[in-house]
Every structure is written in C-alpha cells, then in structure tokens.
Amino acid sequence: MHIKWNALAQTAGFSFGITVAVVAVFALGILALSRRESALTARQGEAAPAAGSGRLALAGAYACFGVCAAAVVYGLVLIAGQ
C-alpha cells in the first residue's frame, strides 16, 4: 500500500482552510446580530443610530448564515455521493 502524502497534505490543508473560513463567516454573522441588537437598544436610548443600520446588520447576518448553511449542505452532498 502506497500513501500519497502530498495529496493527504493538500486535503488536510484545504479542509483546515475551509473550516477556518466557515467559522469566521459564522462569527461575522453573530457579530452582525450583536450590532443589530446594539442598534435597536440605542434607538430606545438617547443615542440615535444611523437609519436602517439594524436592517442592514440583519441582512448581513442572514447572508453569513446562508453561506454557512450552503457550505454544510455542500459537504453533506459530497459525503453522500450525490
């Protein structure tokens, strides 16, 4: 049995990179939800947030979570063999 170490290293590196990217995008989605909560709280307080900043943050959060969901579904399709 011969192990192709180069292919194994490429696969491990690609998997690590994609994992870090998905986690970073998910963290950005969480940050966007946090910014939305801050905008909604500031709207009730004395500070006036920028108009529509809560909606923009919510749209960004949905986009980030959509990218994460797409990556998970794509991985499941690859595992299931289509």
PDB file of N, CA and C in Angstrom:
ATOM      1  N   MET A   1       0.852  -1.166   0.000  1.00  0.00           N
ATOM      2  CA  MET A   1       0.000   0.000   0.000  1.00  0.00           C
ATOM      3  C   MET A   1       0.904   1.237   0.000  1.00  0.00           C
ATOM      4  N   HIS A   2       0.563   2.150  -0.888  1.00  0.00           N
ATOM      5  CA  HIS A   2       1.359   3.368  -1.032  1.00  0.00           C
ATOM      6  C   HIS A   2       0.482   4.574  -0.681  1.00  0.00           C
ATOM      7  N   ILE A   3       0.957   5.390   0.227  1.00  0.00           N
ATOM      8  CA  ILE A   3       0.218   6.580   0.647  1.00  0.00           C
ATOM      9  C   ILE A   3       0.759   7.783  -0.121  1.00  0.00           C
ATOM     10  N   LYS A   4      -0.145   8.520  -0.724  1.00  0.00           N
ATOM     11  CA  LYS A   4       0.242   9.744  -1.435  1.00  0.00           C
ATOM     12  C   LYS A   4       0.232  10.881  -0.425  1.00  0.00           C
ATOM     13  N   TRP A   5       1.390  11.153   0.159  1.00  0.00           N
ATOM     14  CA  TRP A   5       1.497  12.134   1.236  1.00  0.00           C
ATOM     15  C   TRP A   5       1.175  13.544   0.765  1.00  0.00           C
ATOM     16  N   ASN A   6       1.528  13.836  -0.461  1.00  0.00           N
ATOM     17  CA  ASN A   6       1.253  15.171  -0.984  1.00  0.00           C
ATOM     18  C   ASN A   6      -0.260  15.408  -1.075  1.00  0.00           C
ATOM     19  N   ALA A   7      -0.988  14.429  -1.588  1.00  0.00           N
ATOM     20  CA  ALA A   7      -2.440  14.553  -1.693  1.00  0.00           C
ATOM     21  C   ALA A   7      -3.080  14.615  -0.313  1.00  0.00           C
ATOM     22  N   LEU A   8      -2.552  13.857   0.626  1.00  0.00           N
ATOM     23  CA  LEU A   8      -3.070  13.890   2.001  1.00  0.00           C
ATOM     24  C   LEU A   8      -2.849  15.261   2.632  1.00  0.00           C
ATOM     25  N   ALA A   9      -1.670  15.832   2.421  1.00  0.00           N
ATOM     26  CA  ALA A   9      -1.373  17.155   2.976  1.00  0.00           C
ATOM     27  C   ALA A   9      -2.253  18.234   2.322  1.00  0.00           C
ATOM     28  N   GLN A  10      -2.475  18.126   1.022  1.00  0.00           N
ATOM     29  CA  GLN A  10      -3.340  19.089   0.336  1.00  0.00           C
ATOM     30  C   GLN A  10      -4.771  19.005   0.846  1.00  0.00           C
ATOM     31  N   THR A  11      -5.259  17.794   1.039  1.00  0.00           N
ATOM     32  CA  THR A  11      -6.618  17.614   1.542  1.00  0.00           C
ATOM     33  C   THR A  11      -6.751  18.155   2.958  1.00  0.00           C
ATOM     34  N   ALA A  12      -5.771  17.871   3.800  1.00  0.00           N
ATOM     35  CA  ALA A  12      -5.809  18.369   5.177  1.00  0.00           C
ATOM     36  C   ALA A  12      -5.735  19.897   5.205  1.00  0.00           C
ATOM     37  N   GLY A  13      -4.877  20.477   4.391  1.00  0.00           N
ATOM     38  CA  GLY A  13      -4.752  21.937   4.339  1.00  0.00           C
ATOM     39  C   GLY A  13      -6.012  22.598   3.822  1.00  0.00           C
ATOM     40  N   PHE A  14      -6.612  22.029   2.786  1.00  0.00           N
ATOM     41  CA  PHE A  14      -7.850  22.574   2.236  1.00  0.00           C
ATOM     42  C   PHE A  14      -8.978  22.460   3.261  1.00  0.00           C
ATOM     43  N   SER A  15      -9.075  21.331   3.928  1.00  0.00           N
ATOM     44  CA  SER A  15     -10.118  21.143   4.947  1.00  0.00           C
ATOM     45  C   SER A  15      -9.948  22.131   6.092  1.00  0.00           C
ATOM     46  N   PHE A  16      -8.712  22.332   6.523  1.00  0.00           N
ATOM     47  CA  PHE A  16      -8.447  23.283   7.598  1.00  0.00           C
ATOM     48  C   PHE A  16      -8.819  24.700   7.174  1.00  0.00           C
ATOM     49  N   GLY A  17      -8.456  25.072   5.946  1.00  0.00           N
ATOM     50  CA  GLY A  17      -8.770  26.410   5.444  1.00  0.00           C
ATOM     51  C   GLY A  17     -10.268  26.655   5.335  1.00  0.00           C
ATOM     52  N   ILE A  18     -11.005  25.681   4.820  1.00  0.00           N
ATOM     53  CA  ILE A  18     -12.451  25.819   4.701  1.00  0.00           C
ATOM     54  C   ILE A  18     -13.094  25.883   6.080  1.00  0.00           C
ATOM     55  N   THR A  19     -12.596  25.086   7.008  1.00  0.00           N
ATOM     56  CA  THR A  19     -13.132  25.108   8.372  1.00  0.00           C
ATOM     57  C   THR A  19     -12.949  26.480   9.008  1.00  0.00           C
ATOM     58  N   VAL A  20     -11.763  27.039   8.872  1.00  0.00           N
ATOM     59  CA  VAL A  20     -11.493  28.364   9.429  1.00  0.00           C
ATOM     60  C   VAL A  20     -12.374  29.413   8.757  1.00  0.00           C
ATOM     61  N   ALA A  21     -12.560  29.297   7.453  1.00  0.00           N
ATOM     62  CA  ALA A  21     -13.396  30.263   6.729  1.00  0.00           C
ATOM     63  C   ALA A  21     -14.856  30.186   7.180  1.00  0.00           C
ATOM     64  N   VAL A  22     -15.394  28.978   7.332  1.00  0.00           N
ATOM     65  CA  VAL A  22     -16.791  28.838   7.749  1.00  0.00           C
ATOM     66  C   VAL A  22     -16.980  29.355   9.169  1.00  0.00           C
ATOM     67  N   VAL A  23     -16.033  29.061  10.048  1.00  0.00           N
ATOM     68  CA  VAL A  23     -16.123  29.560  11.422  1.00  0.00           C
ATOM     69  C   VAL A  23     -16.037  31.089  11.442  1.00  0.00           C
ATOM     70  N   ALA A  24     -15.175  31.662  10.624  1.00  0.00           N
ATOM     71  CA  ALA A  24     -15.057  33.129  10.569  1.00  0.00           C
ATOM     72  C   ALA A  24     -16.336  33.765  10.039  1.00  0.00           C
ATOM     73  N   VAL A  25     -16.945  33.173   9.020  1.00  0.00           N
ATOM     74  CA  VAL A  25     -18.191  33.721   8.476  1.00  0.00           C
ATOM     75  C   VAL A  25     -19.313  33.599   9.506  1.00  0.00           C
ATOM     76  N   PHE A  26     -19.354  32.478  10.228  1.00  0.00           N
ATOM     77  CA  PHE A  26     -20.359  32.317  11.276  1.00  0.00           C
ATOM     78  C   PHE A  26     -20.164  33.365  12.371  1.00  0.00           C
ATOM     79  N   ALA A  27     -18.904  33.616  12.739  1.00  0.00           N
ATOM     80  CA  ALA A  27     -18.619  34.635  13.750  1.00  0.00           C
ATOM     81  C   ALA A  27     -19.034  36.022  13.264  1.00  0.00           C
ATOM     82  N   LEU A  28     -18.859  36.301  11.983  1.00  0.00           N
ATOM     83  CA  LEU A  28     -19.325  37.573  11.431  1.00  0.00           C
ATOM     84  C   LEU A  28     -20.842  37.682  11.497  1.00  0.00           C
ATOM     85  N   GLY A  29     -21.535  36.564  11.290  1.00  0.00           N
ATOM     86  CA  GLY A  29     -22.987  36.568  11.423  1.00  0.00           C
ATOM     87  C   GLY A  29     -23.421  36.865  12.846  1.00  0.00           C
ATOM     88  N   ILE A  30     -22.739  36.276  13.813  1.00  0.00           N
ATOM     89  CA  ILE A  30     -23.026  36.547  15.220  1.00  0.00           C
ATOM     90  C   ILE A  30     -22.732  38.016  15.541  1.00  0.00           C
ATOM     91  N   LEU A  31     -21.635  38.537  15.007  1.00  0.00           N
ATOM     92  CA  LEU A  31     -21.297  39.947  15.215  1.00  0.00           C
ATOM     93  C   LEU A  31     -22.369  40.861  14.615  1.00  0.00           C
ATOM     94  N   ALA A  32     -22.879  40.505  13.445  1.00  0.00           N
ATOM     95  CA  ALA A  32     -23.926  41.312  12.821  1.00  0.00           C
ATOM     96  C   ALA A  32     -25.195  41.305  13.669  1.00  0.00           C
ATOM     97  N   LEU A  33     -25.543  40.152  14.240  1.00  0.00           N
ATOM     98  CA  LEU A  33     -26.713  40.106  15.124  1.00  0.00           C
ATOM     99  C   LEU A  33     -26.487  40.966  16.368  1.00  0.00           C
ATOM    100  N   SER A  34     -25.262  40.959  16.870  1.00  0.00           N
ATOM    101  CA  SER A  34     -24.932  41.787  18.026  1.00  0.00           C
ATOM    102  C   SER A  34     -25.051  43.268  17.679  1.00  0.00           C
ATOM    103  N   ARG A  35     -24.582  43.640  16.488  1.00  0.00           N
ATOM    104  CA  ARG A  35     -24.686  45.031  16.058  1.00  0.00           C
ATOM    105  C   ARG A  35     -26.157  45.442  15.903  1.00  0.00           C
ATOM    106  N   ARG A  36     -26.978  44.517  15.434  1.00  0.00           N
ATOM    107  CA  ARG A  36     -28.401  44.812  15.297  1.00  0.00           C
ATOM    108  C   ARG A  36     -29.021  45.065  16.666  1.00  0.00           C
ATOM    109  N   GLU A  37     -28.676  44.237  17.638  1.00  0.00           N
ATOM    110  CA  GLU A  37     -29.202  44.428  18.990  1.00  0.00           C
ATOM    111  C   GLU A  37     -28.740  45.769  19.557  1.00  0.00           C
ATOM    112  N   SER A  38     -27.496  46.132  19.287  1.00  0.00           N
ATOM    113  CA  SER A  38     -26.985  47.424  19.753  1.00  0.00           C
ATOM    114  C   SER A  38     -27.742  48.571  19.098  1.00  0.00           C
ATOM    115  N   ALA A  39     -28.036  48.426  17.812  1.00  0.00           N
ATOM    116  CA  ALA A  39     -28.768  49.478  17.107  1.00  0.00           C
ATOM    117  C   ALA A  39     -30.186  49.602  17.647  1.00  0.00           C
ATOM    118  N   LEU A  40     -30.824  48.487  17.943  1.00  0.00           N
ATOM    119  CA  LEU A  40     -32.181  48.533  18.480  1.00  0.00           C
ATOM    120  C   LEU A  40     -32.194  49.106  19.893  1.00  0.00           C
ATOM    121  N   THR A  41     -31.188  48.769  20.690  1.00  0.00           N
ATOM    122  CA  THR A  41     -31.094  49.302  22.048  1.00  0.00           C
ATOM    123  C   THR A  41     -30.804  50.795  22.018  1.00  0.00           C
ATOM    124  N   ALA A  42     -29.916  51.222  21.123  1.00  0.00           N
ATOM    125  CA  ALA A  42     -29.577  52.642  21.022  1.00  0.00           C
ATOM    126  C   ALA A  42     -30.769  53.455  20.531  1.00  0.00           C
ATOM    127  N   ARG A  43     -31.604  52.853  19.720  1.00  0.00           N
ATOM    128  CA  ARG A  43     -32.783  53.548  19.217  1.00  0.00           C
ATOM    129  C   ARG A  43     -33.730  53.889  20.367  1.00  0.00           C
ATOM    130  N   GLN A  44     -33.787  53.014  21.370  1.00  0.00           N
ATOM    131  CA  GLN A  44     -34.652  53.264  22.513  1.00  0.00           C
ATOM    132  C   GLN A  44     -34.009  54.229  23.503  1.00  0.00           C
ATOM    133  N   GLY A  45     -32.687  54.321  23.482  1.00  0.00           N
ATOM    134  CA  GLY A  45     -31.964  55.202  24.394  1.00  0.00           C
ATOM    135  C   GLY A  45     -31.797  56.586  23.827  1.00  0.00           C
ATOM    136  N   GLU A  46     -30.797  57.294  24.342  1.00  0.00           N
ATOM    137  CA  GLU A  46     -30.599  58.673  23.930  1.00  0.00           C
ATOM    138  C   GLU A  46     -29.797  58.815  22.641  1.00  0.00           C
ATOM    139  N   ALA A  47     -28.968  57.838  22.319  1.00  0.00           N
ATOM    140  CA  ALA A  47     -28.163  57.922  21.099  1.00  0.00           C
ATOM    141  C   ALA A  47     -29.011  57.540  19.891  1.00  0.00           C
ATOM    142  N   ALA A  48     -28.807  58.245  18.788  1.00  0.00           N
ATOM    143  CA  ALA A  48     -29.568  57.968  17.565  1.00  0.00           C
ATOM    144  C   ALA A  48     -28.689  57.205  16.588  1.00  0.00           C
ATOM    145  N   PRO A  49     -29.023  55.946  16.283  1.00  0.00           N
ATOM    146  CA  PRO A  49     -28.211  55.180  15.331  1.00  0.00           C
ATOM    147  C   PRO A  49     -28.490  55.631  13.896  1.00  0.00           C
ATOM    148  N   ALA A  50     -27.662  55.194  12.997  1.00  0.00           N
ATOM    149  CA  ALA A  50     -27.875  55.514  11.581  1.00  0.00           C
ATOM    150  C   ALA A  50     -29.157  54.845  11.100  1.00  0.00           C
ATOM    151  N   ALA A  51     -29.846  55.500  10.208  1.00  0.00           N
ATOM    152  CA  ALA A  51     -31.121  54.985   9.722  1.00  0.00           C
ATOM    153  C   ALA A  51     -30.902  53.675   8.975  1.00  0.00           C
ATOM    154  N   GLY A  52     -31.653  52.655   9.348  1.00  0.00           N
ATOM    155  CA  GLY A  52     -31.578  51.366   8.669  1.00  0.00           C
ATOM    156  C   GLY A  52     -30.413  50.498   9.063  1.00  0.00           C
ATOM    157  N   SER A  53     -29.632  50.884  10.067  1.00  0.00           N
ATOM    158  CA  SER A  53     -28.466  50.088  10.433  1.00  0.00           C
ATOM    159  C   SER A  53     -28.871  48.733  11.003  1.00  0.00           C
ATOM    160  N   GLY A  54     -30.014  48.669  11.680  1.00  0.00           N
ATOM    161  CA  GLY A  54     -30.483  47.390  12.207  1.00  0.00           C
ATOM    162  C   GLY A  54     -30.875  46.429  11.101  1.00  0.00           C
ATOM    163  N   ARG A  55     -31.517  46.960  10.061  1.00  0.00           N
ATOM    164  CA  ARG A  55     -31.917  46.115   8.931  1.00  0.00           C
ATOM    165  C   ARG A  55     -30.709  45.645   8.140  1.00  0.00           C
ATOM    166  N   LEU A  56     -29.734  46.524   7.980  1.00  0.00           N
ATOM    167  CA  LEU A  56     -28.523  46.155   7.252  1.00  0.00           C
ATOM    168  C   LEU A  56     -27.757  45.072   8.000  1.00  0.00           C
ATOM    169  N   ALA A  57     -27.675  45.200   9.317  1.00  0.00           N
ATOM    170  CA  ALA A  57     -26.984  44.193  10.114  1.00  0.00           C
ATOM    171  C   ALA A  57     -27.714  42.861  10.056  1.00  0.00           C
ATOM    172  N   LEU A  58     -29.039  42.894  10.075  1.00  0.00           N
ATOM    173  CA  LEU A  58     -29.813  41.654   9.989  1.00  0.00           C
ATOM    174  C   LEU A  58     -29.633  40.995   8.619  1.00  0.00           C
ATOM    175  N   ALA A  59     -29.595  41.792   7.571  1.00  0.00           N
ATOM    176  CA  ALA A  59     -29.361  41.242   6.230  1.00  0.00           C
ATOM    177  C   ALA A  59     -27.972  40.614   6.134  1.00  0.00           C
ATOM    178  N   GLY A  60     -26.981  41.258   6.739  1.00  0.00           N
ATOM    179  CA  GLY A  60     -25.631  40.700   6.754  1.00  0.00           C
ATOM    180  C   GLY A  60     -25.560  39.393   7.525  1.00  0.00           C
ATOM    181  N   ALA A  61     -26.287  39.341   8.647  1.00  0.00           N
ATOM    182  CA  ALA A  61     -26.317  38.110   9.433  1.00  0.00           C
ATOM    183  C   ALA A  61     -26.961  36.982   8.642  1.00  0.00           C
ATOM    184  N   TYR A  62     -28.072  37.279   7.966  1.00  0.00           N
ATOM    185  CA  TYR A  62     -28.726  36.256   7.141  1.00  0.00           C
ATOM    186  C   TYR A  62     -27.795  35.781   6.033  1.00  0.00           C
ATOM    187  N   ALA A  63     -27.069  36.689   5.421  1.00  0.00           N
ATOM    188  CA  ALA A  63     -26.141  36.315   4.356  1.00  0.00           C
ATOM    189  C   ALA A  63     -25.034  35.405   4.892  1.00  0.00           C
ATOM    190  N   CYS A  64     -24.483  35.762   6.046  1.00  0.00           N
ATOM    191  CA  CYS A  64     -23.415  34.944   6.638  1.00  0.00           C
ATOM    192  C   CYS A  64     -23.919  33.554   6.996  1.00  0.00           C
ATOM    193  N   PHE A  65     -25.090  33.480   7.614  1.00  0.00           N
ATOM    194  CA  PHE A  65     -25.629  32.182   7.991  1.00  0.00           C
ATOM    195  C   PHE A  65     -26.025  31.372   6.758  1.00  0.00           C
ATOM    196  N   GLY A  66     -26.452  32.046   5.705  1.00  0.00           N
ATOM    197  CA  GLY A  66     -26.753  31.355   4.454  1.00  0.00           C
ATOM    198  C   GLY A  66     -25.512  30.727   3.837  1.00  0.00           C
ATOM    199  N   VAL A  67     -24.393  31.448   3.889  1.00  0.00           N
ATOM    200  CA  VAL A  67     -23.132  30.909   3.370  1.00  0.00           C
ATOM    201  C   VAL A  67     -22.711  29.693   4.183  1.00  0.00           C
ATOM    202  N   CYS A  68     -22.860  29.768   5.495  1.00  0.00           N
ATOM    203  CA  CYS A  68     -22.511  28.627   6.354  1.00  0.00           C
ATOM    204  C   CYS A  68     -23.404  27.426   6.052  1.00  0.00           C
ATOM    205  N   ALA A  69     -24.690  27.668   5.899  1.00  0.00           N
ATOM    206  CA  ALA A  69     -25.617  26.572   5.590  1.00  0.00           C
ATOM    207  C   ALA A  69     -25.293  25.949   4.235  1.00  0.00           C
ATOM    208  N   ALA A  70     -24.943  26.786   3.264  1.00  0.00           N
ATOM    209  CA  ALA A  70     -24.591  26.263   1.944  1.00  0.00           C
ATOM    210  C   ALA A  70     -23.333  25.398   2.011  1.00  0.00           C
ATOM    211  N   ALA A  71     -22.361  25.802   2.807  1.00  0.00           N
ATOM    212  CA  ALA A  71     -21.138  25.006   2.962  1.00  0.00           C
ATOM    213  C   ALA A  71     -21.441  23.659   3.613  1.00  0.00           C
ATOM    214  N   VAL A  72     -22.320  23.660   4.601  1.00  0.00           N
ATOM    215  CA  VAL A  72     -22.685  22.406   5.269  1.00  0.00           C
ATOM    216  C   VAL A  72     -23.430  21.485   4.305  1.00  0.00           C
ATOM    217  N   VAL A  73     -24.380  22.034   3.564  1.00  0.00           N
ATOM    218  CA  VAL A  73     -25.142  21.220   2.610  1.00  0.00           C
ATOM    219  C   VAL A  73     -24.221  20.672   1.523  1.00  0.00           C
ATOM    220  N   TYR A  74     -23.297  21.483   1.049  1.00  0.00           N
ATOM    221  CA  TYR A  74     -22.349  21.016   0.028  1.00  0.00           C
ATOM    222  C   TYR A  74     -21.485  19.880   0.576  1.00  0.00           C
ATOM    223  N   GLY A  75     -21.035  20.012   1.805  1.00  0.00           N
ATOM    224  CA  GLY A  75     -20.260  18.929   2.419  1.00  0.00           C
ATOM    225  C   GLY A  75     -21.064  17.647   2.556  1.00  0.00           C
ATOM    226  N   LEU A  76     -22.321  17.770   2.928  1.00  0.00           N
ATOM    227  CA  LEU A  76     -23.177  16.592   3.040  1.00  0.00           C
ATOM    228  C   LEU A  76     -23.413  15.938   1.675  1.00  0.00           C
ATOM    229  N   VAL A  77     -23.551  16.755   0.632  1.00  0.00           N
ATOM    230  CA  VAL A  77     -23.708  16.209  -0.715  1.00  0.00           C
ATOM    231  C   VAL A  77     -22.449  15.466  -1.135  1.00  0.00           C
ATOM    232  N   LEU A  78     -21.298  16.017  -0.804  1.00  0.00           N
ATOM    233  CA  LEU A  78     -20.044  15.331  -1.141  1.00  0.00           C
ATOM    234  C   LEU A  78     -19.918  14.005  -0.399  1.00  0.00           C
ATOM    235  N   ILE A  79     -20.321  13.993   0.863  1.00  0.00           N
ATOM    236  CA  ILE A  79     -20.227  12.772   1.661  1.00  0.00           C
ATOM    237  C   ILE A  79     -21.221  11.729   1.151  1.00  0.00           C
ATOM    238  N   ALA A  80     -22.429  12.151   0.834  1.00  0.00           N
ATOM    239  CA  ALA A  80     -23.474  11.215   0.404  1.00  0.00           C
ATOM    240  C   ALA A  80     -23.200  10.675  -1.001  1.00  0.00           C
ATOM    241  N   GLY A  81     -22.352  11.315  -1.742  1.00  0.00           N
ATOM    242  CA  GLY A  81     -22.030  10.833  -3.082  1.00  0.00           C
ATOM    243  C   GLY A  81     -23.075  11.189  -4.113  1.00  0.00           C
ATOM    244  N   GLN A  82     -23.831  12.200  -3.871  1.00  0.00           N
ATOM    245  CA  GLN A  82     -24.838  12.735  -4.789  1.00  0.00           C
ATOM    246  C   GLN A  82     -25.848  11.686  -5.010  1.00  0.00           C
TER     247      GLN A  82
END
